[in-house]
Amino acid sequence: MHASEIQIRDPFILKHSDRYYMFGSSDKDIWRGAGTGFDVYTGRDLENWSGPISAFKPPVGFWGTDNFWAPEVYEYGGAFYMFASFIGKGYKRGTAILKAEKPEGPYLPHSQGPVTPKDWMCLDGTFYVDNDKNPWIVFCHEWVQISDGTVCAARLSDDLTKIVSEPVILFHSKDAYWSTEVYSPSNNMHGYVTDGCNMYRMQNGKLLLLWSCMGKQGYCIAYAVSATGEIDGPWKQADKPLFDKDGGHGMIFLSFDGRLMLSIHSPNDTPNERALFVELKETEEGLEVIR
């Protein structure tokens, strides 16, 4: 199956052995109806894929019922961990952690409900391990609750079942000049989006944090740079977005042939979302798109 045939949002690439594993929000309509699970596709290049393989199906009694969003998978401590967002009756939206023995799954609940704060509306948790080998979750506190969305971080327990520190705010959406106001009819409110965060350490040691918002030309992705090279920053926004033409929710990986790649979905409208792979290069200060 060619990439152009696969409807997917928030595409996340895991490299394992000699294959790419592409996870993402794979329900046909992630906005409405009960969530059915997450699929994964496998391939040896970034154009032709096999699958889908069912990576996660909610077990009976699973707390999440709707909005199955943005699975990211990391190999850690001899197992594979999926960070994914859900909402359910009696629960605010949050990121939970699932676990499997193989990259394709099946993934089973690992954390007891979401690990993000229970009274916050959160999404798009991503995994980060600092220079002292401490695990963290970096996530977005949603604009639909606080108007000006934030990107936050909290320490995770070593077994990745819960957070063990108070979340700290890394930055606000409005810290970026290109973040434009959006309106939610269902919440009857205006605000500024943060979503799709992902961490990347450059070869020169600089620590970057990718994130997405709404810009003048639609969904866009940019990054901030930590002044200290550590998770607590302070964080400075790049001079301009990486991609601002109706595409976002990105992550960075190195291809098997040595190219630095950005994975995003574009366009941002359902059911037309497709994975788009953008080649990058590192500069002294950050990142640039090659093509």
Protein backbone atom coordinates (compact mmCIF):
# COMPACT_ATOMS: atom_id res chain seq x y z
CA MET A 1 0.00 0.00 0.00
CA HIS A 2 1.37 3.41 -0.96
CA ALA A 3 1.55 6.17 1.67
CA SER A 4 -0.85 8.27 -0.40
CA GLU A 5 -3.57 5.66 0.19
CA ILE A 6 -3.33 5.64 3.99
CA GLN A 7 -5.51 8.02 5.98
CA ILE A 8 -3.55 8.83 9.13
CA ARG A 9 -3.06 11.72 11.54
CA ASP A 10 -0.11 12.36 13.83
CA PRO A 11 2.20 9.85 12.07
CA PHE A 12 4.93 8.56 14.35
CA ILE A 13 7.87 6.51 13.04
CA LEU A 14 9.61 3.87 15.13
CA LYS A 15 12.72 2.24 13.65
CA HIS A 16 13.31 -1.31 14.78
CA SER A 17 15.56 -3.91 13.21
CA ASP A 18 15.34 -3.27 9.45
CA ARG A 19 11.82 -1.84 9.37
CA TYR A 20 9.89 1.34 9.92
CA TYR A 21 6.77 1.10 12.07
CA MET A 22 4.26 3.89 11.39
CA PHE A 23 1.75 4.55 14.16
CA GLY A 24 -0.87 7.28 14.19
CA SER A 25 -4.45 8.31 14.88
CA SER A 26 -6.07 5.77 12.60
CA ASP A 27 -9.83 5.90 13.27
CA LYS A 28 -11.70 7.13 10.20
CA ASP A 29 -13.13 10.04 12.19
CA ILE A 30 -11.19 10.76 15.36
CA TRP A 31 -13.53 13.62 16.31
CA ARG A 32 -16.83 11.74 16.55
CA GLY A 33 -17.88 8.29 17.65
CA ALA A 34 -16.27 5.75 19.92
CA GLY A 35 -12.55 5.11 19.51
CA THR A 36 -11.75 1.69 18.07
CA GLY A 37 -7.97 1.46 18.59
CA PHE A 38 -4.65 2.13 16.88
CA ASP A 39 -3.18 0.52 13.78
CA VAL A 40 0.45 0.23 12.72
CA TYR A 41 1.96 -0.10 9.25
CA THR A 42 5.40 -1.57 8.49
CA GLY A 43 7.77 -0.85 5.64
CA ARG A 44 11.38 -0.77 4.51
CA ASP A 45 11.06 2.65 2.86
CA LEU A 46 8.76 5.59 3.54
CA GLU A 47 6.50 5.09 0.53
CA ASN A 48 5.34 1.48 0.51
CA TRP A 49 3.68 -0.01 3.57
CA SER A 50 2.23 -3.34 4.71
CA GLY A 51 -0.77 -3.52 7.01
CA PRO A 52 -2.64 -2.33 8.83
CA ILE A 53 -1.85 -4.41 11.92
CA SER A 54 -4.02 -3.82 14.97
CA ALA A 55 -1.59 -2.50 17.61
CA PHE A 56 -4.15 -1.65 20.30
CA LYS A 57 -7.78 -2.53 20.90
CA PRO A 58 -9.39 -1.23 24.11
CA PRO A 59 -10.02 -4.09 26.53
CA VAL A 60 -13.34 -4.43 28.32
CA GLY A 61 -13.60 -1.75 30.98
CA PHE A 62 -10.88 0.45 29.52
CA TRP A 63 -11.34 4.01 30.79
CA GLY A 64 -10.92 5.70 27.39
CA THR A 65 -13.92 5.64 25.09
CA ASP A 66 -13.41 8.46 22.58
CA ASN A 67 -10.78 10.57 20.83
CA PHE A 68 -8.06 7.93 20.46
CA TRP A 69 -5.24 10.29 19.49
CA ALA A 70 -1.54 10.46 18.67
CA PRO A 71 0.13 7.19 19.68
CA GLU A 72 3.91 7.38 20.03
CA VAL A 73 5.99 4.26 20.66
CA TYR A 74 9.40 4.04 22.35
CA GLU A 75 11.69 1.12 23.14
CA TYR A 76 12.75 1.46 26.78
CA GLY A 77 14.08 -1.00 29.31
CA GLY A 78 13.58 -4.01 27.07
CA ALA A 79 9.93 -3.35 26.22
CA PHE A 80 7.87 -1.04 24.00
CA TYR A 81 5.76 1.76 25.47
CA MET A 82 2.96 3.61 23.73
CA PHE A 83 2.03 7.13 24.86
CA ALA A 84 -1.50 7.92 23.61
CA SER A 85 -4.36 10.25 24.47
CA PHE A 86 -7.96 9.33 25.29
CA ILE A 87 -11.08 10.75 26.91
CA GLY A 88 -13.75 8.80 28.78
CA LYS A 89 -16.80 9.16 30.99
CA GLY A 90 -15.66 10.56 34.32
CA TYR A 91 -12.20 11.33 32.91
CA LYS A 92 -10.81 14.44 31.31
CA ARG A 93 -8.70 13.95 28.20
CA GLY A 94 -5.20 12.78 29.09
CA THR A 95 -2.23 10.72 27.98
CA ALA A 96 -1.93 7.14 29.19
CA ILE A 97 0.94 4.69 28.78
CA LEU A 98 0.50 1.23 27.23
CA LYS A 99 3.06 -1.58 27.00
CA ALA A 100 3.95 -4.41 24.62
CA GLU A 101 6.72 -6.96 24.15
CA LYS A 102 6.94 -6.41 20.38
CA PRO A 103 6.92 -3.14 18.41
CA GLU A 104 3.68 -4.01 16.60
CA GLY A 105 1.94 -4.95 19.85
CA PRO A 106 -0.52 -5.94 21.06
CA TYR A 107 -0.36 -3.03 23.53
CA LEU A 108 -2.06 -3.34 26.90
CA PRO A 109 -2.77 -0.67 29.55
CA HIS A 110 0.29 -0.01 31.71
CA SER A 111 -0.60 3.13 33.67
CA GLN A 112 -3.74 3.33 35.81
CA GLY A 113 -5.66 5.77 33.63
CA PRO A 114 -3.94 8.90 32.35
CA VAL A 115 -0.60 9.92 33.81
CA THR A 116 -1.26 13.59 33.05
CA PRO A 117 -3.01 15.58 35.83
CA LYS A 118 -6.51 14.22 36.38
CA ASP A 119 -8.21 17.65 36.55
CA TRP A 120 -6.45 19.01 33.44
CA MET A 121 -7.48 18.65 29.81
CA CYS A 122 -4.26 17.28 28.30
CA LEU A 123 -3.10 15.60 25.12
CA ASP A 124 -0.15 14.50 22.99
CA GLY A 125 2.22 13.27 25.66
CA THR A 126 5.71 12.48 24.38
CA PHE A 127 8.65 10.68 26.01
CA TYR A 128 12.00 12.19 26.94
CA VAL A 129 14.99 10.82 28.86
CA ASP A 130 17.34 13.48 30.26
CA ASN A 131 21.13 13.36 30.52
CA ASP A 132 20.85 11.74 33.96
CA LYS A 133 18.69 8.93 32.50
CA ASN A 134 15.53 10.23 34.20
CA PRO A 135 12.28 9.60 32.24
CA TRP A 136 9.89 12.48 31.56
CA ILE A 137 6.57 13.07 29.89
CA VAL A 138 6.22 16.29 27.90
CA PHE A 139 2.60 17.13 27.08
CA CYS A 140 0.15 19.87 26.17
CA HIS A 141 -2.33 21.48 28.57
CA GLU A 142 -5.21 22.18 26.22
CA TRP A 143 -6.36 25.62 25.20
CA VAL A 144 -10.00 24.50 25.54
CA GLN A 145 -9.48 24.61 29.30
CA ILE A 146 -6.98 27.47 29.73
CA SER A 147 -7.40 29.55 26.54
CA ASP A 148 -3.64 30.03 25.96
CA GLY A 149 -2.40 26.44 25.59
CA THR A 150 0.86 25.41 27.21
CA VAL A 151 3.54 22.77 26.81
CA CYS A 152 4.43 21.18 30.16
CA ALA A 153 6.79 18.54 31.54
CA ALA A 154 6.77 16.18 34.52
CA ARG A 155 9.09 13.44 35.78
CA LEU A 156 7.87 9.90 35.32
CA SER A 157 8.44 7.01 37.70
CA ASP A 158 11.13 4.62 36.54
CA ASP A 159 8.47 2.04 35.65
CA LEU A 160 6.56 4.65 33.57
CA THR A 161 3.28 4.17 35.46
CA LYS A 162 2.79 7.66 36.95
CA ILE A 163 4.27 11.13 37.27
CA VAL A 164 6.39 11.79 40.35
CA SER A 165 6.80 15.57 40.15
CA GLU A 166 4.56 18.59 39.80
CA PRO A 167 4.21 19.59 36.12
CA VAL A 168 6.16 22.66 35.06
CA ILE A 169 5.13 24.99 32.23
CA LEU A 170 7.77 25.20 29.51
CA PHE A 171 6.01 27.81 27.34
CA HIS A 172 2.66 29.17 26.14
CA SER A 173 1.23 29.14 22.62
CA LYS A 174 1.18 32.93 22.51
CA ASP A 175 4.95 32.99 23.07
CA ALA A 176 5.17 32.35 19.30
CA TYR A 177 4.20 35.31 17.12
CA TRP A 178 2.76 33.01 14.43
CA SER A 179 0.22 31.33 16.73
CA THR A 180 -3.21 32.56 15.66
CA GLU A 181 -6.46 32.57 17.59
CA VAL A 182 -8.97 29.79 17.00
CA TYR A 183 -12.61 29.36 17.98
CA SER A 184 -14.34 26.28 19.39
CA PRO A 185 -18.12 26.32 18.80
CA SER A 186 -18.67 23.39 21.17
CA ASN A 187 -16.91 25.25 23.98
CA ASN A 188 -17.94 28.71 22.80
CA MET A 189 -14.46 30.08 23.40
CA HIS A 190 -11.47 31.55 21.62
CA GLY A 191 -7.91 30.52 22.30
CA TYR A 192 -4.44 29.51 21.14
CA VAL A 193 -3.51 25.89 20.41
CA THR A 194 -0.57 23.81 21.60
CA ASP A 195 -0.31 20.20 20.47
CA GLY A 196 1.96 17.58 18.92
CA CYS A 197 5.06 18.11 21.07
CA ASN A 198 8.21 16.05 20.46
CA MET A 199 11.81 16.29 21.70
CA TYR A 200 14.98 16.30 19.60
CA ARG A 201 18.64 16.59 20.63
CA MET A 202 20.87 18.08 17.91
CA GLN A 203 24.39 16.85 17.20
CA ASN A 204 25.79 20.06 18.73
CA GLY A 205 23.93 19.31 21.98
CA LYS A 206 21.09 21.80 21.61
CA LEU A 207 17.74 20.50 22.88
CA LEU A 208 14.73 21.28 20.69
CA LEU A 209 11.02 20.90 21.37
CA LEU A 210 8.75 20.55 18.34
CA TRP A 211 5.12 21.63 18.68
CA SER A 212 2.15 22.64 16.55
CA CYS A 213 -0.45 25.40 16.55
CA MET A 214 -2.71 27.18 14.10
CA GLY A 215 -1.00 29.75 11.88
CA LYS A 216 -2.07 32.15 9.17
CA GLN A 217 -1.97 29.42 6.49
CA GLY A 218 -3.51 26.70 8.66
CA TYR A 219 -1.97 24.06 10.87
CA CYS A 220 1.77 24.55 11.32
CA ILE A 221 4.78 23.15 13.13
CA ALA A 222 7.69 24.94 14.73
CA TYR A 223 10.20 24.40 17.52
CA ALA A 224 11.65 26.04 20.60
CA VAL A 225 15.26 25.81 21.82
CA SER A 226 16.30 25.28 25.44
CA ALA A 227 18.82 27.93 26.48
CA THR A 228 20.44 25.51 28.93
CA GLY A 229 20.09 22.30 26.94
CA GLU A 230 17.90 20.93 29.75
CA ILE A 231 14.20 20.17 29.93
CA ASP A 232 13.38 23.10 32.24
CA GLY A 233 14.75 25.64 29.75
CA PRO A 234 14.18 28.52 29.55
CA TRP A 235 12.76 27.95 26.07
CA LYS A 236 13.08 30.38 23.18
CA GLN A 237 10.90 30.08 20.09
CA ALA A 238 12.61 29.78 16.71
CA ASP A 239 12.44 32.75 14.37
CA LYS A 240 9.85 31.11 12.10
CA PRO A 241 7.85 27.87 11.72
CA LEU A 242 9.41 24.83 10.07
CA PHE A 243 6.27 24.12 8.02
CA ASP A 244 3.27 26.46 7.91
CA LYS A 245 1.13 25.31 4.99
CA ASP A 246 -1.58 23.21 6.64
CA GLY A 247 0.52 20.43 8.11
CA GLY A 248 1.82 19.57 11.55
CA HIS A 249 1.99 17.32 14.59
CA GLY A 250 5.53 16.24 13.87
CA MET A 251 8.38 14.10 15.08
CA ILE A 252 11.98 13.73 13.89
CA PHE A 253 13.82 10.54 12.99
CA LEU A 254 16.91 9.47 11.07
CA SER A 255 16.08 7.38 8.01
CA PHE A 256 17.88 4.12 7.28
CA ASP A 257 19.81 5.91 4.51
CA GLY A 258 20.99 8.63 6.91
CA ARG A 259 18.56 11.49 6.16
CA LEU A 260 17.12 13.64 8.93
CA MET A 261 13.34 13.45 8.47
CA LEU A 262 10.31 15.25 9.84
CA SER A 263 7.08 13.24 9.89
CA ILE A 264 3.83 15.26 9.84
CA HIS A 265 0.30 14.91 8.53
CA SER A 266 -1.02 17.16 5.80
CA PRO A 267 -3.60 18.42 5.02
CA ASN A 268 -5.29 18.87 8.38
CA ASP A 269 -8.84 18.00 7.30
CA THR A 270 -10.63 14.67 7.76
CA PRO A 271 -10.65 12.30 5.84
CA ASN A 272 -7.82 13.66 3.66
CA GLU A 273 -4.95 13.45 6.16
CA ARG A 274 -1.83 11.71 4.87
CA ALA A 275 1.68 11.16 6.23
CA LEU A 276 4.18 13.61 4.78
CA PHE A 277 7.93 13.16 5.22
CA VAL A 278 10.01 16.33 5.00
CA GLU A 279 13.80 16.26 4.81
CA LEU A 280 15.61 18.53 7.27
CA LYS A 281 19.13 19.70 7.98
CA GLU A 282 20.68 20.91 11.19
CA THR A 283 22.10 24.44 11.35
CA GLU A 284 24.09 26.19 14.06
CA GLU A 285 20.87 27.41 15.69
CA GLY A 286 18.27 24.79 14.81
CA LEU A 287 16.61 23.17 11.81
CA GLU A 288 15.81 24.00 8.20
CA VAL A 289 13.69 22.23 5.60
CA ILE A 290 15.67 20.90 2.62
CA ARG A 291 12.68 19.64 0.68
